[in-house]
Structure formats: C-alpha cells, structure tokens
Amino acid sequence: MRALLCTAALTIACAWAPAVFAQDAAALFREGSASFARGDYRAAALAFDAAYRRDPQGATAYNAALAWDATKEAGDQAPAADGYDAAIERGGIEASELEHAKVRLAKLEQVLGRVDVSGPEGARASLAHARDVPLPARIHALPGSYQIRVVFVGDRIETREITLTAGAPLAVTFAEPVETKTAPPVPLRPKPRRVRVETERDPTMLVIAGVSLGVSALAAGAAIGLGVAALDARDAYAESDYTDVDLYDRAGTLRTWTNVAWGAAGVLAVTGGVLLIVALTREEPVTARAAAFRWRF
C-alpha cells in the first residue's frame, strides 16, 4: 500500500512540476517527494504542507494527504482529511486520484469531526493541528472539545469553545462587530482671502516624470523578453519529458526575473505618472522666484 502511495505521489510531482515557478514552493515539493520516497512520511507531509501554503495547488494538497495517511497514526488522520478536502476543492489532479480522494475523505469523516468556519474576509482560524487557515474553512479533528481562535483584520482576536462529534459536521460563524465612532466637532475657521498670484510649472519635475516613464517602458520590454524566454524554457523542459533539471531551474529563474522586471516597470510607471500629474497641477509663484533673483544681485 505504501509503495502504491509513493508511486502516486511521485507521478503527481512530475505532472505538476512544469507549471510551478515559485522557487521556494518547488524546492519544498521536491523535498517532500524525496522524503516520501525514502519512507519518511511525516517529513514529507510537513514539506508538502509548507509548499501548499506558499503555492496552493490541488496536487500538493493531495500529496500531503497521502503522506499524512501513510504514517498510520490516529492523530494524523485529521490533516490527511484536510488535504484530501483541499485537493478535491482545488482540482488539478487526475480523475483516478480525485476519486480516491473522495472515497478516502468519506471514510475518514466517519471517524472524525468537522467544523465549517465562516467569517469576514481576511480573518484566519486556528483549531487543533490547523493554524491561521483563511476563512471560510473546513477543519477536521478527532472527536472532542476544542477552542477555535479567530484573528480578524486589525489583530482583534475571538475564541469559542466547541465540541466535535464523529460524522457530524458543525457550522460556526464569526461576525466582526461594527465599531461606531462619533466624529469630533470641527472648529470654525475664518475664510481665507484669495490672492491672485502669477504661477508657472516646474520643468524639473516634468523631466523626472518623463525619465521614469521611459525607463518603465524599457523594463516592460525586458519583462516581455524574459517571459518569452521562460515559456521557451518551460516548453523545452516539457519536450525532455520533464527530466532535464537544468531546464526546469532555468524556467523558474527566468520566470522570477520576468516578475521582477514587471514589478519594476509597474513601480516606475506609477512613479512617473504621479510625478507628471503633480508637475501639471502644481505651479510655483513667479513673483517669489523673481524677488529671490533680484535679492541675489
């Protein structure tokens, strides 16, 4: 049975690898596959879980579930059920593996409790083995009493006691209270007298804005070139039947630099746009500059 699970995990690793460009997630995935192959199922499960948190993929969740299942420990049944559940929801696995995940999850839920936690966007829940799971979430655990801990946006924390029963899902909803604040009275101020001042635009800021936009265009061109190269490397890796490690690493590196180039292009474009708007809308008084000129002479 363990040999079958190992074969299944390695099969998924090869099928999923060409689509992964997040270097840390890919490294963790390879680490999990290696641990699974040598029979260290707990280390494999922890590595797959870490990879899933960095890049949530159905194949990663399925491999984590297989690893937790393979330990044959009662305490590992709950994270195995969570993994099968996530794999079914995320998809991206073979039909036979999807069917296996559904069958195995149904058997595990006969002996486990399950809580369906819902709440406001951005909130995270912790219960038993699960830590900081984004809501909404389904968490499995052995039957018994537990405390759910939910952290809302803004770091407000709420806890609630629950009791889980085998085969009986429990729904729990957390609502973030709406805080009402009364605005302080605004003091009255005298209306300022408008004075007409002759102004002109600052040419220096216009030049800086133009340079930023030009460099942004160059960075975008570089990003396009790097992206094309990354796709070529990925296709070459696929043509090697996903065996050439150098092509795999090259595709990942090119994708990373593509993202860096796009990020730089975006930052420069925003910076140039803001400077251009400021330069076109803000004007400097001509009279003040003229007075300073006369003072120097």
C-alpha atoms as a PDB file:
ATOM      1  CA  MET A   1       0.000   0.000   0.000  1.00  0.00           C
ATOM      2  CA  ARG A   2       2.812   2.425   0.891  1.00  0.00           C
ATOM      3  CA  ALA A   3       4.612   1.636  -2.364  1.00  0.00           C
ATOM      4  CA  LEU A   4       1.410   2.438  -4.249  1.00  0.00           C
ATOM      5  CA  LEU A   5       1.062   5.748  -2.385  1.00  0.00           C
ATOM      6  CA  CYS A   6       4.681   6.633  -3.085  1.00  0.00           C
ATOM      7  CA  THR A   7       4.238   5.927  -6.789  1.00  0.00           C
ATOM      8  CA  ALA A   8       1.106   8.064  -6.877  1.00  0.00           C
ATOM      9  CA  ALA A   9       2.862  10.954  -5.134  1.00  0.00           C
ATOM     10  CA  LEU A  10       5.837  10.871  -7.482  1.00  0.00           C
ATOM     11  CA  THR A  11       3.531  10.689 -10.502  1.00  0.00           C
ATOM     12  CA  ILE A  12       1.761  13.850  -9.384  1.00  0.00           C
ATOM     13  CA  ALA A  13       5.070  15.579  -8.702  1.00  0.00           C
ATOM     14  CA  CYS A  14       6.176  15.031 -12.300  1.00  0.00           C
ATOM     15  CA  ALA A  15       2.830  16.129 -13.724  1.00  0.00           C
ATOM     16  CA  TRP A  16       2.691  19.314 -11.652  1.00  0.00           C
ATOM     17  CA  ALA A  17       6.311  20.415 -11.793  1.00  0.00           C
ATOM     18  CA  PRO A  18       6.248  22.178 -15.242  1.00  0.00           C
ATOM     19  CA  ALA A  19       3.613  24.626 -14.017  1.00  0.00           C
ATOM     20  CA  VAL A  20       5.497  25.680 -10.869  1.00  0.00           C
ATOM     21  CA  PHE A  21       7.722  28.730 -10.960  1.00  0.00           C
ATOM     22  CA  ALA A  22       7.665  29.711  -7.258  1.00  0.00           C
ATOM     23  CA  GLN A  23      11.156  28.589  -6.301  1.00  0.00           C
ATOM     24  CA  ASP A  24      10.550  28.055  -2.587  1.00  0.00           C
ATOM     25  CA  ALA A  25       7.368  26.031  -3.202  1.00  0.00           C
ATOM     26  CA  ALA A  26       9.095  23.933  -5.873  1.00  0.00           C
ATOM     27  CA  ALA A  27      12.036  23.208  -3.552  1.00  0.00           C
ATOM     28  CA  LEU A  28       9.686  22.155  -0.747  1.00  0.00           C
ATOM     29  CA  PHE A  29       7.743  19.975  -3.185  1.00  0.00           C
ATOM     30  CA  ARG A  30      10.937  18.192  -4.246  1.00  0.00           C
ATOM     31  CA  GLU A  31      11.922  17.798  -0.590  1.00  0.00           C
ATOM     32  CA  GLY A  32       8.539  16.218   0.183  1.00  0.00           C
ATOM     33  CA  SER A  33       8.814  13.835  -2.771  1.00  0.00           C
ATOM     34  CA  ALA A  34      12.300  12.734  -1.665  1.00  0.00           C
ATOM     35  CA  SER A  35      11.159  12.178   1.938  1.00  0.00           C
ATOM     36  CA  PHE A  36       8.150  10.187   0.730  1.00  0.00           C
ATOM     37  CA  ALA A  37      10.356   8.011  -1.482  1.00  0.00           C
ATOM     38  CA  ARG A  38      12.596   7.037   1.450  1.00  0.00           C
ATOM     39  CA  GLY A  39       9.614   6.333   3.731  1.00  0.00           C
ATOM     40  CA  ASP A  40       9.843   9.410   5.974  1.00  0.00           C
ATOM     41  CA  TYR A  41       6.144  10.180   5.611  1.00  0.00           C
ATOM     42  CA  ARG A  42       5.870  12.776   8.399  1.00  0.00           C
ATOM     43  CA  ALA A  43       8.714  14.852   6.958  1.00  0.00           C
ATOM     44  CA  ALA A  44       7.123  14.515   3.521  1.00  0.00           C
ATOM     45  CA  ALA A  45       3.747  15.682   4.845  1.00  0.00           C
ATOM     46  CA  LEU A  46       5.268  18.734   6.557  1.00  0.00           C
ATOM     47  CA  ALA A  47       7.180  19.674   3.387  1.00  0.00           C
ATOM     48  CA  PHE A  48       4.094  19.313   1.175  1.00  0.00           C
ATOM     49  CA  ASP A  49       2.023  21.369   3.638  1.00  0.00           C
ATOM     50  CA  ALA A  50       4.658  24.123   3.587  1.00  0.00           C
ATOM     51  CA  ALA A  51       4.699  24.071  -0.226  1.00  0.00           C
ATOM     52  CA  TYR A  52       0.885  24.303  -0.299  1.00  0.00           C
ATOM     53  CA  ARG A  53       0.899  27.371   1.947  1.00  0.00           C
ATOM     54  CA  ARG A  54       3.263  29.118  -0.472  1.00  0.00           C
ATOM     55  CA  ASP A  55       1.530  27.994  -3.674  1.00  0.00           C
ATOM     56  CA  PRO A  56      -1.899  26.346  -3.117  1.00  0.00           C
ATOM     57  CA  GLN A  57      -2.216  23.576  -5.709  1.00  0.00           C
ATOM     58  CA  GLY A  58      -4.518  20.553  -5.670  1.00  0.00           C
ATOM     59  CA  ALA A  59      -1.637  18.156  -6.384  1.00  0.00           C
ATOM     60  CA  THR A  60       0.341  19.471  -3.412  1.00  0.00           C
ATOM     61  CA  ALA A  61      -2.639  19.065  -1.075  1.00  0.00           C
ATOM     62  CA  TYR A  62      -3.224  15.534  -2.393  1.00  0.00           C
ATOM     63  CA  ASN A  63       0.407  14.550  -1.819  1.00  0.00           C
ATOM     64  CA  ALA A  64       0.281  15.983   1.712  1.00  0.00           C
ATOM     65  CA  ALA A  65      -2.863  13.929   2.390  1.00  0.00           C
ATOM     66  CA  LEU A  66      -1.172  10.754   1.091  1.00  0.00           C
ATOM     67  CA  ALA A  67       1.832  11.389   3.347  1.00  0.00           C
ATOM     68  CA  TRP A  68      -0.275  12.025   6.468  1.00  0.00           C
ATOM     69  CA  ASP A  69      -2.350   8.952   5.640  1.00  0.00           C
ATOM     70  CA  ALA A  70       0.781   6.812   5.228  1.00  0.00           C
ATOM     71  CA  THR A  71       2.012   7.476   8.796  1.00  0.00           C
ATOM     72  CA  LYS A  72      -0.835   5.267  10.083  1.00  0.00           C
ATOM     73  CA  GLU A  73      -1.069   7.454  13.187  1.00  0.00           C
ATOM     74  CA  ALA A  74      -4.545   8.286  14.512  1.00  0.00           C
ATOM     75  CA  GLY A  75      -3.515  11.878  15.166  1.00  0.00           C
ATOM     76  CA  ASP A  76      -2.562  12.302  11.512  1.00  0.00           C
ATOM     77  CA  GLN A  77      -5.993  11.366  10.167  1.00  0.00           C
ATOM     78  CA  ALA A  78      -7.301  14.933  10.585  1.00  0.00           C
ATOM     79  CA  PRO A  79      -4.600  16.677   8.495  1.00  0.00           C
ATOM     80  CA  ALA A  80      -4.965  13.864   5.920  1.00  0.00           C
ATOM     81  CA  ALA A  81      -8.692  14.616   5.660  1.00  0.00           C
ATOM     82  CA  ASP A  82      -7.934  18.344   5.311  1.00  0.00           C
ATOM     83  CA  GLY A  83      -5.518  17.543   2.488  1.00  0.00           C
ATOM     84  CA  TYR A  84      -7.995  15.356   0.588  1.00  0.00           C
ATOM     85  CA  ASP A  85     -10.670  18.032   1.067  1.00  0.00           C
ATOM     86  CA  ALA A  86      -8.372  20.760  -0.298  1.00  0.00           C
ATOM     87  CA  ALA A  87      -7.340  18.584  -3.256  1.00  0.00           C
ATOM     88  CA  ILE A  88     -10.979  17.987  -4.184  1.00  0.00           C
ATOM     89  CA  GLU A  89     -11.771  21.703  -3.921  1.00  0.00           C
ATOM     90  CA  ARG A  90      -8.660  22.903  -5.787  1.00  0.00           C
ATOM     91  CA  GLY A  91      -8.716  20.222  -8.504  1.00  0.00           C
ATOM     92  CA  GLY A  92      -5.843  19.843 -10.930  1.00  0.00           C
ATOM     93  CA  ILE A  93      -5.344  16.125 -10.248  1.00  0.00           C
ATOM     94  CA  GLU A  94      -6.114  13.020 -12.306  1.00  0.00           C
ATOM     95  CA  ALA A  95      -9.638  11.579 -12.319  1.00  0.00           C
ATOM     96  CA  SER A  96      -8.492   8.390 -10.549  1.00  0.00           C
ATOM     97  CA  GLU A  97      -6.761  10.437  -7.850  1.00  0.00           C
ATOM     98  CA  LEU A  98      -9.824  12.649  -7.446  1.00  0.00           C
ATOM     99  CA  GLU A  99     -11.992   9.571  -6.964  1.00  0.00           C
ATOM    100  CA  HIS A 100      -9.507   8.148  -4.446  1.00  0.00           C
ATOM    101  CA  ALA A 101      -9.512  11.454  -2.521  1.00  0.00           C
ATOM    102  CA  LYS A 102     -13.329  11.448  -2.339  1.00  0.00           C
ATOM    103  CA  VAL A 103     -13.521   7.831  -1.169  1.00  0.00           C
ATOM    104  CA  ARG A 104     -10.786   8.248   1.421  1.00  0.00           C
ATOM    105  CA  LEU A 105     -12.251  11.535   2.730  1.00  0.00           C
ATOM    106  CA  ALA A 106     -15.662   9.894   3.163  1.00  0.00           C
ATOM    107  CA  LYS A 107     -14.095   7.087   5.236  1.00  0.00           C
ATOM    108  CA  LEU A 108     -12.105   9.486   7.390  1.00  0.00           C
ATOM    109  CA  GLU A 109     -15.135  11.697   8.082  1.00  0.00           C
ATOM    110  CA  GLN A 110     -16.891   8.659   9.570  1.00  0.00           C
ATOM    111  CA  VAL A 111     -14.420   8.698  12.473  1.00  0.00           C
ATOM    112  CA  LEU A 112     -13.522  12.404  12.556  1.00  0.00           C
ATOM    113  CA  GLY A 113     -15.371  15.550  13.484  1.00  0.00           C
ATOM    114  CA  ARG A 114     -15.545  18.505  11.085  1.00  0.00           C
ATOM    115  CA  VAL A 115     -16.200  22.186  11.656  1.00  0.00           C
ATOM    116  CA  ASP A 116     -17.136  24.609   8.869  1.00  0.00           C
ATOM    117  CA  VAL A 117     -15.916  28.037   9.971  1.00  0.00           C
ATOM    118  CA  SER A 118     -17.115  31.214   8.258  1.00  0.00           C
ATOM    119  CA  GLY A 119     -16.373  34.854   8.966  1.00  0.00           C
ATOM    120  CA  PRO A 120     -15.371  38.204   7.473  1.00  0.00           C
ATOM    121  CA  GLU A 121     -12.825  38.459   4.691  1.00  0.00           C
ATOM    122  CA  GLY A 122      -9.223  38.412   5.864  1.00  0.00           C
ATOM    123  CA  ALA A 123      -9.945  36.538   9.113  1.00  0.00           C
ATOM    124  CA  ARG A 124      -7.920  33.402   9.970  1.00  0.00           C
ATOM    125  CA  ALA A 125      -8.847  30.465  12.201  1.00  0.00           C
ATOM    126  CA  SER A 126      -6.754  28.071  14.301  1.00  0.00           C
ATOM    127  CA  LEU A 127      -8.015  24.750  15.658  1.00  0.00           C
ATOM    128  CA  ALA A 128      -6.075  21.640  16.716  1.00  0.00           C
ATOM    129  CA  HIS A 129      -3.419  20.980  14.010  1.00  0.00           C
ATOM    130  CA  ALA A 130      -4.699  23.784  11.716  1.00  0.00           C
ATOM    131  CA  ARG A 131      -3.006  27.165  12.152  1.00  0.00           C
ATOM    132  CA  ASP A 132      -4.089  30.502  10.649  1.00  0.00           C
ATOM    133  CA  VAL A 133      -6.369  28.997   7.984  1.00  0.00           C
ATOM    134  CA  PRO A 134      -8.116  31.679   5.862  1.00  0.00           C
ATOM    135  CA  LEU A 135     -11.902  31.821   6.247  1.00  0.00           C
ATOM    136  CA  PRO A 136     -14.142  30.257   5.117  1.00  0.00           C
ATOM    137  CA  ALA A 137     -12.504  26.953   6.061  1.00  0.00           C
ATOM    138  CA  ARG A 138     -13.298  23.278   6.738  1.00  0.00           C
ATOM    139  CA  ILE A 139     -11.169  21.788   9.506  1.00  0.00           C
ATOM    140  CA  HIS A 140     -11.175  18.142  10.598  1.00  0.00           C
ATOM    141  CA  ALA A 141     -10.195  16.923  14.068  1.00  0.00           C
ATOM    142  CA  LEU A 142     -10.644  13.904  16.326  1.00  0.00           C
ATOM    143  CA  PRO A 143     -13.906  13.929  18.322  1.00  0.00           C
ATOM    144  CA  GLY A 144     -13.669  16.021  21.474  1.00  0.00           C
ATOM    145  CA  SER A 145     -13.778  19.548  22.884  1.00  0.00           C
ATOM    146  CA  TYR A 146     -11.729  22.308  21.284  1.00  0.00           C
ATOM    147  CA  GLN A 147     -11.251  26.058  21.268  1.00  0.00           C
ATOM    148  CA  ILE A 148     -11.434  27.910  17.944  1.00  0.00           C
ATOM    149  CA  ARG A 149      -9.244  31.013  17.767  1.00  0.00           C
ATOM    150  CA  VAL A 150     -10.028  33.567  15.057  1.00  0.00           C
ATOM    151  CA  VAL A 151      -7.848  36.591  14.293  1.00  0.00           C
ATOM    152  CA  PHE A 152      -9.624  39.378  12.393  1.00  0.00           C
ATOM    153  CA  VAL A 153      -8.127  42.110  10.261  1.00  0.00           C
ATOM    154  CA  GLY A 154      -6.714  44.627  12.716  1.00  0.00           C
ATOM    155  CA  ASP A 155      -5.488  41.823  15.050  1.00  0.00           C
ATOM    156  CA  ARG A 156      -8.698  41.561  17.073  1.00  0.00           C
ATOM    157  CA  ILE A 157      -8.989  38.000  18.479  1.00  0.00           C
ATOM    158  CA  GLU A 158     -12.088  35.983  19.354  1.00  0.00           C
ATOM    159  CA  THR A 159     -12.218  32.455  20.786  1.00  0.00           C
ATOM    160  CA  ARG A 160     -15.091  29.995  21.054  1.00  0.00           C
ATOM    161  CA  GLU A 161     -15.479  26.579  22.706  1.00  0.00           C
ATOM    162  CA  ILE A 162     -16.880  23.763  20.530  1.00  0.00           C
ATOM    163  CA  THR A 163     -17.405  20.004  20.750  1.00  0.00           C
ATOM    164  CA  LEU A 164     -16.872  17.817  17.682  1.00  0.00           C
ATOM    165  CA  THR A 165     -18.645  14.506  17.122  1.00  0.00           C
ATOM    166  CA  ALA A 166     -17.585  11.839  14.630  1.00  0.00           C
ATOM    167  CA  GLY A 167     -19.554  12.025  11.376  1.00  0.00           C
ATOM    168  CA  ALA A 168     -21.487  15.146  12.424  1.00  0.00           C
ATOM    169  CA  PRO A 169     -20.267  18.386  10.757  1.00  0.00           C
ATOM    170  CA  LEU A 170     -20.568  21.555  12.840  1.00  0.00           C
ATOM    171  CA  ALA A 171     -21.041  25.051  11.397  1.00  0.00           C
ATOM    172  CA  VAL A 172     -19.602  28.049  13.273  1.00  0.00           C
ATOM    173  CA  THR A 173     -19.883  31.677  12.124  1.00  0.00           C
ATOM    174  CA  PHE A 174     -17.822  34.585  13.409  1.00  0.00           C
ATOM    175  CA  ALA A 175     -19.053  38.138  12.845  1.00  0.00           C
ATOM    176  CA  GLU A 176     -16.773  41.105  13.264  1.00  0.00           C
ATOM    177  CA  PRO A 177     -18.582  43.828  15.274  1.00  0.00           C
ATOM    178  CA  VAL A 178     -19.063  47.177  13.616  1.00  0.00           C
ATOM    179  CA  GLU A 179     -17.496  49.976  15.636  1.00  0.00           C
ATOM    180  CA  THR A 180     -19.328  53.284  15.578  1.00  0.00           C
ATOM    181  CA  LYS A 181     -17.329  56.412  16.241  1.00  0.00           C
ATOM    182  CA  THR A 182     -18.633  59.941  16.692  1.00  0.00           C
ATOM    183  CA  ALA A 183     -16.580  62.472  14.816  1.00  0.00           C
ATOM    184  CA  PRO A 184     -15.362  65.397  16.959  1.00  0.00           C
ATOM    185  CA  PRO A 185     -16.821  68.820  16.148  1.00  0.00           C
ATOM    186  CA  VAL A 186     -14.886  70.740  13.530  1.00  0.00           C
ATOM    187  CA  PRO A 187     -13.895  74.237  14.740  1.00  0.00           C
ATOM    188  CA  LEU A 188     -14.931  77.156  12.584  1.00  0.00           C
ATOM    189  CA  ARG A 189     -12.120  78.876  10.778  1.00  0.00           C
ATOM    190  CA  PRO A 190     -12.123  82.258   9.074  1.00  0.00           C
ATOM    191  CA  LYS A 191     -12.450  82.024   5.334  1.00  0.00           C
ATOM    192  CA  PRO A 192      -9.086  82.845   3.770  1.00  0.00           C
ATOM    193  CA  ARG A 193      -8.902  85.741   1.370  1.00  0.00           C
ATOM    194  CA  ARG A 194      -7.937  84.681  -2.117  1.00  0.00           C
ATOM    195  CA  VAL A 195      -4.935  86.429  -3.594  1.00  0.00           C
ATOM    196  CA  ARG A 196      -4.198  86.086  -7.293  1.00  0.00           C
ATOM    197  CA  VAL A 197      -0.586  85.010  -7.799  1.00  0.00           C
ATOM    198  CA  GLU A 198       1.066  84.502 -11.159  1.00  0.00           C
ATOM    199  CA  THR A 199       2.494  80.972 -11.376  1.00  0.00           C
ATOM    200  CA  GLU A 200       4.320  78.623 -13.755  1.00  0.00           C
ATOM    201  CA  ARG A 201       5.009  74.851 -13.847  1.00  0.00           C
ATOM    202  CA  ASP A 202       8.272  73.351 -12.549  1.00  0.00           C
ATOM    203  CA  PRO A 203      10.164  71.922 -15.588  1.00  0.00           C
ATOM    204  CA  THR A 204      12.449  69.747 -13.415  1.00  0.00           C
ATOM    205  CA  MET A 205       9.614  67.523 -12.216  1.00  0.00           C
ATOM    206  CA  LEU A 206       8.363  67.143 -15.785  1.00  0.00           C
ATOM    207  CA  VAL A 207      11.804  65.881 -16.837  1.00  0.00           C
ATOM    208  CA  ILE A 208      11.943  63.383 -13.947  1.00  0.00           C
ATOM    209  CA  ALA A 209       8.451  62.133 -14.800  1.00  0.00           C
ATOM    210  CA  GLY A 210       9.428  61.639 -18.438  1.00  0.00           C
ATOM    211  CA  VAL A 211      12.573  59.709 -17.471  1.00  0.00           C
ATOM    212  CA  SER A 212      10.586  57.446 -15.112  1.00  0.00           C
ATOM    213  CA  LEU A 213       8.025  56.648 -17.790  1.00  0.00           C
ATOM    214  CA  GLY A 214      10.762  55.950 -20.347  1.00  0.00           C
ATOM    215  CA  VAL A 215      12.631  53.574 -18.042  1.00  0.00           C
ATOM    216  CA  SER A 216       9.297  51.900 -17.218  1.00  0.00           C
ATOM    217  CA  ALA A 217       8.772  51.199 -20.922  1.00  0.00           C
ATOM    218  CA  LEU A 218      12.270  49.686 -21.163  1.00  0.00           C
ATOM    219  CA  ALA A 219      11.596  47.478 -18.124  1.00  0.00           C
ATOM    220  CA  ALA A 220       8.314  46.330 -19.667  1.00  0.00           C
ATOM    221  CA  GLY A 221      10.151  45.399 -22.867  1.00  0.00           C
ATOM    222  CA  ALA A 222      12.698  43.427 -20.849  1.00  0.00           C
ATOM    223  CA  ALA A 223       9.895  41.677 -18.968  1.00  0.00           C
ATOM    224  CA  ILE A 224       8.301  40.617 -22.251  1.00  0.00           C
ATOM    225  CA  GLY A 225      11.607  39.230 -23.493  1.00  0.00           C
ATOM    226  CA  LEU A 226      12.242  37.357 -20.238  1.00  0.00           C
ATOM    227  CA  GLY A 227       8.695  36.000 -20.261  1.00  0.00           C
ATOM    228  CA  VAL A 228       9.101  34.635 -23.785  1.00  0.00           C
ATOM    229  CA  ALA A 229      12.400  33.023 -22.768  1.00  0.00           C
ATOM    230  CA  ALA A 230      10.748  31.486 -19.693  1.00  0.00           C
ATOM    231  CA  LEU A 231       7.983  29.973 -21.823  1.00  0.00           C
ATOM    232  CA  ASP A 232      10.563  28.586 -24.258  1.00  0.00           C
ATOM    233  CA  ALA A 233      12.490  27.015 -21.361  1.00  0.00           C
ATOM    234  CA  ARG A 234       9.292  25.540 -19.978  1.00  0.00           C
ATOM    235  CA  ASP A 235       8.403  24.047 -23.381  1.00  0.00           C
ATOM    236  CA  ALA A 236      11.918  22.639 -23.715  1.00  0.00           C
ATOM    237  CA  TYR A 237      11.557  21.081 -20.265  1.00  0.00           C
ATOM    238  CA  ALA A 238       8.273  19.529 -21.349  1.00  0.00           C
ATOM    239  CA  GLU A 239       9.913  18.165 -24.504  1.00  0.00           C
ATOM    240  CA  SER A 240      12.546  16.483 -22.304  1.00  0.00           C
ATOM    241  CA  ASP A 241       9.699  14.514 -20.649  1.00  0.00           C
ATOM    242  CA  TYR A 242      10.212  16.632 -17.538  1.00  0.00           C
ATOM    243  CA  THR A 243      13.609  15.109 -16.773  1.00  0.00           C
ATOM    244  CA  ASP A 244      16.067  17.934 -17.505  1.00  0.00           C
ATOM    245  CA  VAL A 245      16.672  19.648 -14.131  1.00  0.00           C
ATOM    246  CA  ASP A 246      18.705  22.447 -15.710  1.00  0.00           C
ATOM    247  CA  LEU A 247      15.812  23.411 -17.986  1.00  0.00           C
ATOM    248  CA  TYR A 248      13.430  23.281 -15.018  1.00  0.00           C
ATOM    249  CA  ASP A 249      15.668  25.602 -12.954  1.00  0.00           C
ATOM    250  CA  ARG A 250      16.207  27.915 -15.970  1.00  0.00           C
ATOM    251  CA  ALA A 251      12.448  28.228 -16.461  1.00  0.00           C
ATOM    252  CA  GLY A 252      11.988  29.095 -12.794  1.00  0.00           C
ATOM    253  CA  THR A 253      14.813  31.643 -12.810  1.00  0.00           C
ATOM    254  CA  LEU A 254      13.532  33.343 -15.972  1.00  0.00           C
ATOM    255  CA  ARG A 255      10.026  33.498 -14.547  1.00  0.00           C
ATOM    256  CA  THR A 256      11.370  35.115 -11.356  1.00  0.00           C
ATOM    257  CA  TRP A 257      13.263  37.769 -13.329  1.00  0.00           C
ATOM    258  CA  THR A 258      10.199  38.316 -15.501  1.00  0.00           C
ATOM    259  CA  ASN A 259       8.188  39.105 -12.363  1.00  0.00           C
ATOM    260  CA  VAL A 260      10.960  41.417 -11.108  1.00  0.00           C
ATOM    261  CA  ALA A 261      11.022  43.277 -14.443  1.00  0.00           C
ATOM    262  CA  TRP A 262       7.238  43.655 -14.494  1.00  0.00           C
ATOM    263  CA  GLY A 263       7.319  44.882 -10.905  1.00  0.00           C
ATOM    264  CA  ALA A 264       9.983  47.460 -11.711  1.00  0.00           C
ATOM    265  CA  ALA A 265       8.050  48.584 -14.799  1.00  0.00           C
ATOM    266  CA  GLY A 266       4.901  48.993 -12.736  1.00  0.00           C
ATOM    267  CA  VAL A 267       6.629  50.948  -9.957  1.00  0.00           C
ATOM    268  CA  LEU A 268       8.343  53.256 -12.440  1.00  0.00           C
ATOM    269  CA  ALA A 269       5.124  53.759 -14.409  1.00  0.00           C
ATOM    270  CA  VAL A 270       3.191  54.703 -11.265  1.00  0.00           C
ATOM    271  CA  THR A 271       6.008  56.971 -10.076  1.00  0.00           C
ATOM    272  CA  GLY A 272       6.268  58.684 -13.441  1.00  0.00           C
ATOM    273  CA  GLY A 273       2.507  59.101 -13.682  1.00  0.00           C
ATOM    274  CA  VAL A 274       2.258  60.611 -10.193  1.00  0.00           C
ATOM    275  CA  LEU A 275       5.141  62.999 -10.866  1.00  0.00           C
ATOM    276  CA  LEU A 276       3.586  64.007 -14.181  1.00  0.00           C
ATOM    277  CA  ILE A 277       0.223  64.734 -12.566  1.00  0.00           C
ATOM    278  CA  VAL A 278       1.895  66.695  -9.753  1.00  0.00           C
ATOM    279  CA  ALA A 279       4.027  68.635 -12.235  1.00  0.00           C
ATOM    280  CA  LEU A 280       0.978  69.520 -14.348  1.00  0.00           C
ATOM    281  CA  THR A 281      -1.192  70.538 -11.410  1.00  0.00           C
ATOM    282  CA  ARG A 282       1.273  72.217  -9.042  1.00  0.00           C
ATOM    283  CA  GLU A 283       2.640  75.606 -10.047  1.00  0.00           C
ATOM    284  CA  GLU A 284       5.312  77.807  -8.419  1.00  0.00           C
ATOM    285  CA  PRO A 285       4.707  81.564  -7.849  1.00  0.00           C
ATOM    286  CA  VAL A 286       6.657  83.573 -10.390  1.00  0.00           C
ATOM    287  CA  THR A 287       6.807  86.673  -8.171  1.00  0.00           C
ATOM    288  CA  ALA A 288       8.591  84.824  -5.344  1.00  0.00           C
ATOM    289  CA  ARG A 289      11.226  83.454  -7.714  1.00  0.00           C
ATOM    290  CA  ALA A 290      11.726  86.891  -9.306  1.00  0.00           C
ATOM    291  CA  ALA A 291      12.153  88.528  -5.899  1.00  0.00           C
ATOM    292  CA  ALA A 292      14.786  85.953  -4.903  1.00  0.00           C
ATOM    293  CA  PHE A 293      16.616  86.621  -8.187  1.00  0.00           C
ATOM    294  CA  ARG A 294      16.715  90.358  -7.543  1.00  0.00           C
ATOM    295  CA  TRP A 295      17.926  89.809  -3.966  1.00  0.00           C
ATOM    296  CA  ARG A 296      20.954  87.815  -5.132  1.00  0.00           C
ATOM    297  CA  PHE A 297      22.023  90.693  -7.394  1.00  0.00           C
END
